[in-house]
Amino acid sequence: MKKAYVIVATVAGGALVAKALASRVGKTDFSERLAAMPDTSPPKWIFTNVTEIRANTERILALLEEQKPASAGEPLPPPEPEAAREA
């Protein structure tokens, strides 16, 4: 009978600890943790590069939108061959 009480107490204690830990998991702010990292840390480096790539992509898309031909059915001129550019 003592064995059953010990098992029940252990399971109940484990459940309380799990509940306490689970309530804190969702409260972490990723941006605060990222700001606290050194500049050379891989997660911060990756996040910074992804942000810069997104900004560059937006600029490229804006430039392409400006260069669109007047009519959508009009084909683009073929690109110049490499030899013609170097000459």
PDB file of N, CA and C in Angstrom:
ATOM      1  N   MET A   1       0.810  -1.186   0.000  1.00  0.00           N
ATOM      2  CA  MET A   1       0.000   0.000   0.000  1.00  0.00           C
ATOM      3  C   MET A   1       0.862   1.263   0.000  1.00  0.00           C
ATOM      4  N   LYS A   2       1.985   1.206   0.731  1.00  0.00           N
ATOM      5  CA  LYS A   2       2.886   2.351   0.754  1.00  0.00           C
ATOM      6  C   LYS A   2       3.438   2.637  -0.642  1.00  0.00           C
ATOM      7  N   LYS A   3       3.679   1.576  -1.372  1.00  0.00           N
ATOM      8  CA  LYS A   3       4.209   1.717  -2.725  1.00  0.00           C
ATOM      9  C   LYS A   3       3.224   2.502  -3.597  1.00  0.00           C
ATOM     10  N   ALA A   4       1.933   2.246  -3.462  1.00  0.00           N
ATOM     11  CA  ALA A   4       0.911   2.942  -4.239  1.00  0.00           C
ATOM     12  C   ALA A   4       0.887   4.424  -3.896  1.00  0.00           C
ATOM     13  N   TYR A   5       1.019   4.770  -2.612  1.00  0.00           N
ATOM     14  CA  TYR A   5       1.044   6.179  -2.203  1.00  0.00           C
ATOM     15  C   TYR A   5       2.257   6.905  -2.781  1.00  0.00           C
ATOM     16  N   VAL A   6       3.379   6.251  -2.780  1.00  0.00           N
ATOM     17  CA  VAL A   6       4.604   6.854  -3.328  1.00  0.00           C
ATOM     18  C   VAL A   6       4.438   7.095  -4.822  1.00  0.00           C
ATOM     19  N   ILE A   7       3.859   6.129  -5.514  1.00  0.00           N
ATOM     20  CA  ILE A   7       3.664   6.276  -6.965  1.00  0.00           C
ATOM     21  C   ILE A   7       2.687   7.412  -7.255  1.00  0.00           C
ATOM     22  N   VAL A   8       1.588   7.466  -6.522  1.00  0.00           N
ATOM     23  CA  VAL A   8       0.592   8.532  -6.715  1.00  0.00           C
ATOM     24  C   VAL A   8       1.210   9.893  -6.416  1.00  0.00           C
ATOM     25  N   ALA A   9       1.970   9.997  -5.351  1.00  0.00           N
ATOM     26  CA  ALA A   9       2.611  11.266  -4.993  1.00  0.00           C
ATOM     27  C   ALA A   9       3.623  11.683  -6.055  1.00  0.00           C
ATOM     28  N   THR A  10       4.375  10.739  -6.587  1.00  0.00           N
ATOM     29  CA  THR A  10       5.365  11.033  -7.629  1.00  0.00           C
ATOM     30  C   THR A  10       4.685  11.513  -8.900  1.00  0.00           C
ATOM     31  N   VAL A  11       3.621  10.837  -9.299  1.00  0.00           N
ATOM     32  CA  VAL A  11       2.893  11.228 -10.514  1.00  0.00           C
ATOM     33  C   VAL A  11       2.266  12.616 -10.329  1.00  0.00           C
ATOM     34  N   ALA A  12       1.663  12.863  -9.156  1.00  0.00           N
ATOM     35  CA  ALA A  12       1.048  14.170  -8.895  1.00  0.00           C
ATOM     36  C   ALA A  12       2.102  15.274  -8.890  1.00  0.00           C
ATOM     37  N   GLY A  13       3.242  15.021  -8.280  1.00  0.00           N
ATOM     38  CA  GLY A  13       4.332  16.008  -8.274  1.00  0.00           C
ATOM     39  C   GLY A  13       4.855  16.275  -9.672  1.00  0.00           C
ATOM     40  N   GLY A  14       5.006  15.222 -10.449  1.00  0.00           N
ATOM     41  CA  GLY A  14       5.452  15.385 -11.838  1.00  0.00           C
ATOM     42  C   GLY A  14       4.455  16.185 -12.657  1.00  0.00           C
ATOM     43  N   ALA A  15       3.171  15.963 -12.439  1.00  0.00           N
ATOM     44  CA  ALA A  15       2.139  16.706 -13.165  1.00  0.00           C
ATOM     45  C   ALA A  15       2.174  18.186 -12.799  1.00  0.00           C
ATOM     46  N   LEU A  16       2.386  18.498 -11.520  1.00  0.00           N
ATOM     47  CA  LEU A  16       2.464  19.899 -11.098  1.00  0.00           C
ATOM     48  C   LEU A  16       3.687  20.597 -11.693  1.00  0.00           C
ATOM     49  N   VAL A  17       4.814  19.910 -11.710  1.00  0.00           N
ATOM     50  CA  VAL A  17       6.032  20.482 -12.301  1.00  0.00           C
ATOM     51  C   VAL A  17       5.835  20.699 -13.802  1.00  0.00           C
ATOM     52  N   ALA A  18       5.241  19.736 -14.488  1.00  0.00           N
ATOM     53  CA  ALA A  18       5.005  19.864 -15.921  1.00  0.00           C
ATOM     54  C   ALA A  18       4.060  21.025 -16.215  1.00  0.00           C
ATOM     55  N   LYS A  19       3.040  21.194 -15.402  1.00  0.00           N
ATOM     56  CA  LYS A  19       2.092  22.289 -15.591  1.00  0.00           C
ATOM     57  C   LYS A  19       2.778  23.635 -15.386  1.00  0.00           C
ATOM     58  N   ALA A  20       3.624  23.739 -14.377  1.00  0.00           N
ATOM     59  CA  ALA A  20       4.342  24.990 -14.114  1.00  0.00           C
ATOM     60  C   ALA A  20       5.296  25.333 -15.253  1.00  0.00           C
ATOM     61  N   LEU A  21       5.992  24.344 -15.765  1.00  0.00           N
ATOM     62  CA  LEU A  21       6.924  24.589 -16.872  1.00  0.00           C
ATOM     63  C   LEU A  21       6.181  24.910 -18.165  1.00  0.00           C
ATOM     64  N   ALA A  22       5.068  24.271 -18.411  1.00  0.00           N
ATOM     65  CA  ALA A  22       4.305  24.496 -19.640  1.00  0.00           C
ATOM     66  C   ALA A  22       3.719  25.895 -19.686  1.00  0.00           C
ATOM     67  N   SER A  23       3.382  26.460 -18.544  1.00  0.00           N
ATOM     68  CA  SER A  23       2.792  27.797 -18.541  1.00  0.00           C
ATOM     69  C   SER A  23       3.823  28.873 -18.878  1.00  0.00           C
ATOM     70  N   ARG A  24       5.106  28.601 -18.647  1.00  0.00           N
ATOM     71  CA  ARG A  24       6.142  29.589 -18.948  1.00  0.00           C
ATOM     72  C   ARG A  24       6.670  29.484 -20.367  1.00  0.00           C
ATOM     73  N   VAL A  25       6.418  28.399 -21.064  1.00  0.00           N
ATOM     74  CA  VAL A  25       7.003  28.177 -22.387  1.00  0.00           C
ATOM     75  C   VAL A  25       6.519  29.214 -23.392  1.00  0.00           C
ATOM     76  N   GLY A  26       5.246  29.505 -23.425  1.00  0.00           N
ATOM     77  CA  GLY A  26       4.697  30.418 -24.424  1.00  0.00           C
ATOM     78  C   GLY A  26       4.939  31.885 -24.144  1.00  0.00           C
ATOM     79  N   LYS A  27       5.512  32.228 -22.995  1.00  0.00           N
ATOM     80  CA  LYS A  27       5.672  33.624 -22.616  1.00  0.00           C
ATOM     81  C   LYS A  27       7.011  34.220 -23.028  1.00  0.00           C
ATOM     82  N   THR A  28       7.900  33.464 -23.638  1.00  0.00           N
ATOM     83  CA  THR A  28       9.194  34.000 -24.033  1.00  0.00           C
ATOM     84  C   THR A  28       9.037  34.834 -25.297  1.00  0.00           C
ATOM     85  N   ASP A  29       9.668  36.004 -25.306  1.00  0.00           N
ATOM     86  CA  ASP A  29       9.621  36.901 -26.449  1.00  0.00           C
ATOM     87  C   ASP A  29      10.888  36.682 -27.273  1.00  0.00           C
ATOM     88  N   PHE A  30      10.715  36.191 -28.493  1.00  0.00           N
ATOM     89  CA  PHE A  30      11.860  35.847 -29.326  1.00  0.00           C
ATOM     90  C   PHE A  30      12.675  37.085 -29.687  1.00  0.00           C
ATOM     91  N   SER A  31      12.026  38.210 -29.921  1.00  0.00           N
ATOM     92  CA  SER A  31      12.770  39.407 -30.319  1.00  0.00           C
ATOM     93  C   SER A  31      13.678  39.897 -29.187  1.00  0.00           C
ATOM     94  N   GLU A  32      13.236  39.770 -27.938  1.00  0.00           N
ATOM     95  CA  GLU A  32      14.093  40.149 -26.811  1.00  0.00           C
ATOM     96  C   GLU A  32      15.291  39.210 -26.694  1.00  0.00           C
ATOM     97  N   ARG A  33      15.043  37.929 -26.867  1.00  0.00           N
ATOM     98  CA  ARG A  33      16.144  36.962 -26.782  1.00  0.00           C
ATOM     99  C   ARG A  33      17.129  37.176 -27.916  1.00  0.00           C
ATOM    100  N   LEU A  34      16.632  37.520 -29.112  1.00  0.00           N
ATOM    101  CA  LEU A  34      17.498  37.752 -30.260  1.00  0.00           C
ATOM    102  C   LEU A  34      18.337  39.007 -30.050  1.00  0.00           C
ATOM    103  N   ALA A  35      17.744  40.049 -29.496  1.00  0.00           N
ATOM    104  CA  ALA A  35      18.477  41.291 -29.248  1.00  0.00           C
ATOM    105  C   ALA A  35      19.572  41.094 -28.207  1.00  0.00           C
ATOM    106  N   ALA A  36      19.377  40.175 -27.279  1.00  0.00           N
ATOM    107  CA  ALA A  36      20.367  39.937 -26.237  1.00  0.00           C
ATOM    108  C   ALA A  36      21.557  39.115 -26.731  1.00  0.00           C
ATOM    109  N   MET A  37      21.434  38.481 -27.887  1.00  0.00           N
ATOM    110  CA  MET A  37      22.524  37.641 -28.413  1.00  0.00           C
ATOM    111  C   MET A  37      23.639  38.516 -28.982  1.00  0.00           C
ATOM    112  N   PRO A  38      24.870  38.026 -28.962  1.00  0.00           N
ATOM    113  CA  PRO A  38      25.964  38.779 -29.603  1.00  0.00           C
ATOM    114  C   PRO A  38      25.765  38.800 -31.122  1.00  0.00           C
ATOM    115  N   ASP A  39      26.363  39.804 -31.766  1.00  0.00           N
ATOM    116  CA  ASP A  39      26.184  39.965 -33.213  1.00  0.00           C
ATOM    117  C   ASP A  39      26.719  38.790 -34.016  1.00  0.00           C
ATOM    118  N   THR A  40      27.655  38.041 -33.457  1.00  0.00           N
ATOM    119  CA  THR A  40      28.254  36.933 -34.197  1.00  0.00           C
ATOM    120  C   THR A  40      27.525  35.611 -33.985  1.00  0.00           C
ATOM    121  N   SER A  41      26.454  35.612 -33.214  1.00  0.00           N
ATOM    122  CA  SER A  41      25.749  34.350 -32.976  1.00  0.00           C
ATOM    123  C   SER A  41      24.979  33.943 -34.240  1.00  0.00           C
ATOM    124  N   PRO A  42      25.011  32.659 -34.585  1.00  0.00           N
ATOM    125  CA  PRO A  42      24.360  32.208 -35.815  1.00  0.00           C
ATOM    126  C   PRO A  42      22.869  32.538 -35.910  1.00  0.00           C
ATOM    127  N   PRO A  43      22.047  32.396 -34.865  1.00  0.00           N
ATOM    128  CA  PRO A  43      20.629  32.752 -35.033  1.00  0.00           C
ATOM    129  C   PRO A  43      20.425  34.226 -35.359  1.00  0.00           C
ATOM    130  N   LYS A  44      21.188  35.094 -34.724  1.00  0.00           N
ATOM    131  CA  LYS A  44      21.050  36.529 -34.995  1.00  0.00           C
ATOM    132  C   LYS A  44      21.548  36.853 -36.394  1.00  0.00           C
ATOM    133  N   TRP A  45      22.633  36.234 -36.805  1.00  0.00           N
ATOM    134  CA  TRP A  45      23.193  36.453 -38.131  1.00  0.00           C
ATOM    135  C   TRP A  45      22.196  36.018 -39.204  1.00  0.00           C
ATOM    136  N   ILE A  46      21.585  34.860 -39.031  1.00  0.00           N
ATOM    137  CA  ILE A  46      20.616  34.352 -39.996  1.00  0.00           C
ATOM    138  C   ILE A  46      19.402  35.272 -40.059  1.00  0.00           C
ATOM    139  N   PHE A  47      18.877  35.677 -38.906  1.00  0.00           N
ATOM    140  CA  PHE A  47      17.709  36.547 -38.873  1.00  0.00           C
ATOM    141  C   PHE A  47      18.006  37.874 -39.570  1.00  0.00           C
ATOM    142  N   THR A  48      19.186  38.436 -39.323  1.00  0.00           N
ATOM    143  CA  THR A  48      19.562  39.701 -39.955  1.00  0.00           C
ATOM    144  C   THR A  48      19.675  39.529 -41.467  1.00  0.00           C
ATOM    145  N   ASN A  49      20.294  38.457 -41.919  1.00  0.00           N
ATOM    146  CA  ASN A  49      20.448  38.240 -43.358  1.00  0.00           C
ATOM    147  C   ASN A  49      19.107  37.998 -44.036  1.00  0.00           C
ATOM    148  N   VAL A  50      18.220  37.259 -43.410  1.00  0.00           N
ATOM    149  CA  VAL A  50      16.906  37.012 -44.005  1.00  0.00           C
ATOM    150  C   VAL A  50      16.147  38.326 -44.141  1.00  0.00           C
ATOM    151  N   THR A  51      16.251  39.192 -43.142  1.00  0.00           N
ATOM    152  CA  THR A  51      15.585  40.490 -43.203  1.00  0.00           C
ATOM    153  C   THR A  51      16.148  41.328 -44.340  1.00  0.00           C
ATOM    154  N   GLU A  52      17.465  41.328 -44.509  1.00  0.00           N
ATOM    155  CA  GLU A  52      18.088  42.086 -45.596  1.00  0.00           C
ATOM    156  C   GLU A  52      17.721  41.505 -46.955  1.00  0.00           C
ATOM    157  N   ILE A  53      17.645  40.192 -47.068  1.00  0.00           N
ATOM    158  CA  ILE A  53      17.264  39.557 -48.332  1.00  0.00           C
ATOM    159  C   ILE A  53      15.835  39.937 -48.698  1.00  0.00           C
ATOM    160  N   ARG A  54      14.941  39.961 -47.726  1.00  0.00           N
ATOM    161  CA  ARG A  54      13.558  40.372 -47.996  1.00  0.00           C
ATOM    162  C   ARG A  54      13.503  41.805 -48.501  1.00  0.00           C
ATOM    163  N   ALA A  55      14.270  42.695 -47.876  1.00  0.00           N
ATOM    164  CA  ALA A  55      14.283  44.097 -48.311  1.00  0.00           C
ATOM    165  C   ALA A  55      14.826  44.210 -49.738  1.00  0.00           C
ATOM    166  N   ASN A  56      15.895  43.470 -50.039  1.00  0.00           N
ATOM    167  CA  ASN A  56      16.446  43.491 -51.394  1.00  0.00           C
ATOM    168  C   ASN A  56      15.445  42.942 -52.404  1.00  0.00           C
ATOM    169  N   THR A  57      14.731  41.897 -52.035  1.00  0.00           N
ATOM    170  CA  THR A  57      13.736  41.318 -52.930  1.00  0.00           C
ATOM    171  C   THR A  57      12.643  42.327 -53.228  1.00  0.00           C
ATOM    172  N   GLU A  58      12.200  43.065 -52.233  1.00  0.00           N
ATOM    173  CA  GLU A  58      11.173  44.088 -52.444  1.00  0.00           C
ATOM    174  C   GLU A  58      11.677  45.172 -53.392  1.00  0.00           C
ATOM    175  N   ARG A  59      12.940  45.577 -53.244  1.00  0.00           N
ATOM    176  CA  ARG A  59      13.499  46.589 -54.157  1.00  0.00           C
ATOM    177  C   ARG A  59      13.594  46.050 -55.574  1.00  0.00           C
ATOM    178  N   ILE A  60      14.003  44.804 -55.734  1.00  0.00           N
ATOM    179  CA  ILE A  60      14.104  44.208 -57.066  1.00  0.00           C
ATOM    180  C   ILE A  60      12.732  44.108 -57.711  1.00  0.00           C
ATOM    181  N   LEU A  61      11.744  43.676 -56.954  1.00  0.00           N
ATOM    182  CA  LEU A  61      10.391  43.581 -57.502  1.00  0.00           C
ATOM    183  C   LEU A  61       9.855  44.948 -57.908  1.00  0.00           C
ATOM    184  N   ALA A  62      10.155  45.982 -57.129  1.00  0.00           N
ATOM    185  CA  ALA A  62       9.718  47.331 -57.486  1.00  0.00           C
ATOM    186  C   ALA A  62      10.378  47.782 -58.784  1.00  0.00           C
ATOM    187  N   LEU A  63      11.679  47.493 -58.939  1.00  0.00           N
ATOM    188  CA  LEU A  63      12.365  47.849 -60.186  1.00  0.00           C
ATOM    189  C   LEU A  63      11.786  47.100 -61.381  1.00  0.00           C
ATOM    190  N   LEU A  64      11.486  45.826 -61.193  1.00  0.00           N
ATOM    191  CA  LEU A  64      10.905  45.047 -62.285  1.00  0.00           C
ATOM    192  C   LEU A  64       9.519  45.558 -62.660  1.00  0.00           C
ATOM    193  N   GLU A  65       8.752  45.987 -61.681  1.00  0.00           N
ATOM    194  CA  GLU A  65       7.427  46.544 -61.969  1.00  0.00           C
ATOM    195  C   GLU A  65       7.553  47.828 -62.782  1.00  0.00           C
ATOM    196  N   GLU A  66       8.556  48.642 -62.492  1.00  0.00           N
ATOM    197  CA  GLU A  66       8.774  49.878 -63.251  1.00  0.00           C
ATOM    198  C   GLU A  66       9.187  49.586 -64.684  1.00  0.00           C
ATOM    199  N   GLN A  67       9.909  48.506 -64.912  1.00  0.00           N
ATOM    200  CA  GLN A  67      10.432  48.192 -66.235  1.00  0.00           C
ATOM    201  C   GLN A  67       9.480  47.370 -67.083  1.00  0.00           C
ATOM    202  N   LYS A  68       8.294  47.051 -66.565  1.00  0.00           N
ATOM    203  CA  LYS A  68       7.346  46.255 -67.339  1.00  0.00           C
ATOM    204  C   LYS A  68       6.985  46.982 -68.628  1.00  0.00           C
ATOM    205  N   PRO A  69       6.830  46.243 -69.738  1.00  0.00           N
ATOM    206  CA  PRO A  69       6.398  46.880 -70.981  1.00  0.00           C
ATOM    207  C   PRO A  69       4.975  47.425 -70.820  1.00  0.00           C
ATOM    208  N   ALA A  70       4.626  48.385 -71.709  1.00  0.00           N
ATOM    209  CA  ALA A  70       3.322  49.037 -71.620  1.00  0.00           C
ATOM    210  C   ALA A  70       2.181  48.033 -71.766  1.00  0.00           C
ATOM    211  N   SER A  71       2.284  47.139 -72.728  1.00  0.00           N
ATOM    212  CA  SER A  71       1.226  46.133 -72.881  1.00  0.00           C
ATOM    213  C   SER A  71       1.747  44.796 -72.404  1.00  0.00           C
ATOM    214  N   ALA A  72       0.891  44.034 -71.774  1.00  0.00           N
ATOM    215  CA  ALA A  72       1.311  42.754 -71.207  1.00  0.00           C
ATOM    216  C   ALA A  72       1.612  41.722 -72.288  1.00  0.00           C
ATOM    217  N   GLY A  73       1.024  41.845 -73.476  1.00  0.00           N
ATOM    218  CA  GLY A  73       1.242  40.877 -74.544  1.00  0.00           C
ATOM    219  C   GLY A  73       2.519  41.111 -75.320  1.00  0.00           C
ATOM    220  N   GLU A  74       3.187  42.208 -75.097  1.00  0.00           N
ATOM    221  CA  GLU A  74       4.403  42.562 -75.818  1.00  0.00           C
ATOM    222  C   GLU A  74       5.584  41.763 -75.278  1.00  0.00           C
ATOM    223  N   PRO A  75       6.296  40.988 -76.127  1.00  0.00           N
ATOM    224  CA  PRO A  75       7.427  40.192 -75.625  1.00  0.00           C
ATOM    225  C   PRO A  75       8.629  41.080 -75.314  1.00  0.00           C
ATOM    226  N   LEU A  76       9.425  40.642 -74.372  1.00  0.00           N
ATOM    227  CA  LEU A  76      10.636  41.365 -74.016  1.00  0.00           C
ATOM    228  C   LEU A  76      11.703  41.127 -75.081  1.00  0.00           C
ATOM    229  N   PRO A  77      12.585  42.100 -75.322  1.00  0.00           N
ATOM    230  CA  PRO A  77      13.667  41.885 -76.291  1.00  0.00           C
ATOM    231  C   PRO A  77      14.634  40.838 -75.763  1.00  0.00           C
ATOM    232  N   PRO A  78      15.265  40.075 -76.668  1.00  0.00           N
ATOM    233  CA  PRO A  78      16.211  39.052 -76.201  1.00  0.00           C
ATOM    234  C   PRO A  78      17.438  39.713 -75.564  1.00  0.00           C
ATOM    235  N   PRO A  79      18.061  39.060 -74.603  1.00  0.00           N
ATOM    236  CA  PRO A  79      19.248  39.653 -73.970  1.00  0.00           C
ATOM    237  C   PRO A  79      20.427  39.690 -74.935  1.00  0.00           C
ATOM    238  N   GLU A  80      21.316  40.633 -74.704  1.00  0.00           N
ATOM    239  CA  GLU A  80      22.489  40.753 -75.547  1.00  0.00           C
ATOM    240  C   GLU A  80      23.455  39.590 -75.277  1.00  0.00           C
ATOM    241  N   PRO A  81      24.097  39.071 -76.302  1.00  0.00           N
ATOM    242  CA  PRO A  81      25.106  38.028 -76.073  1.00  0.00           C
ATOM    243  C   PRO A  81      26.285  38.594 -75.281  1.00  0.00           C
ATOM    244  N   GLU A  82      26.992  37.748 -74.590  1.00  0.00           N
ATOM    245  CA  GLU A  82      28.130  38.166 -73.771  1.00  0.00           C
ATOM    246  C   GLU A  82      29.204  38.837 -74.620  1.00  0.00           C
ATOM    247  N   ALA A  83      29.460  38.362 -75.820  1.00  0.00           N
ATOM    248  CA  ALA A  83      30.503  38.918 -76.660  1.00  0.00           C
ATOM    249  C   ALA A  83      30.158  40.335 -77.075  1.00  0.00           C
ATOM    250  N   ALA A  84      28.901  40.628 -77.323  1.00  0.00           N
ATOM    251  CA  ALA A  84      28.499  41.969 -77.741  1.00  0.00           C
ATOM    252  C   ALA A  84      28.638  42.956 -76.590  1.00  0.00           C
ATOM    253  N   ARG A  85      28.441  42.529 -75.373  1.00  0.00           N
ATOM    254  CA  ARG A  85      28.562  43.412 -74.215  1.00  0.00           C
ATOM    255  C   ARG A  85      30.020  43.798 -73.960  1.00  0.00           C
ATOM    256  N   GLU A  86      30.937  42.861 -74.195  1.00  0.00           N
ATOM    257  CA  GLU A  86      32.349  43.104 -73.910  1.00  0.00           C
ATOM    258  C   GLU A  86      33.007  43.959 -74.987  1.00  0.00           C
ATOM    259  N   ALA A  87      32.470  43.991 -76.169  1.00  0.00           N
ATOM    260  CA  ALA A  87      33.084  44.726 -77.269  1.00  0.00           C
ATOM    261  C   ALA A  87      32.873  46.207 -77.196  1.00  0.00           C
TER     262      ALA A  87
END
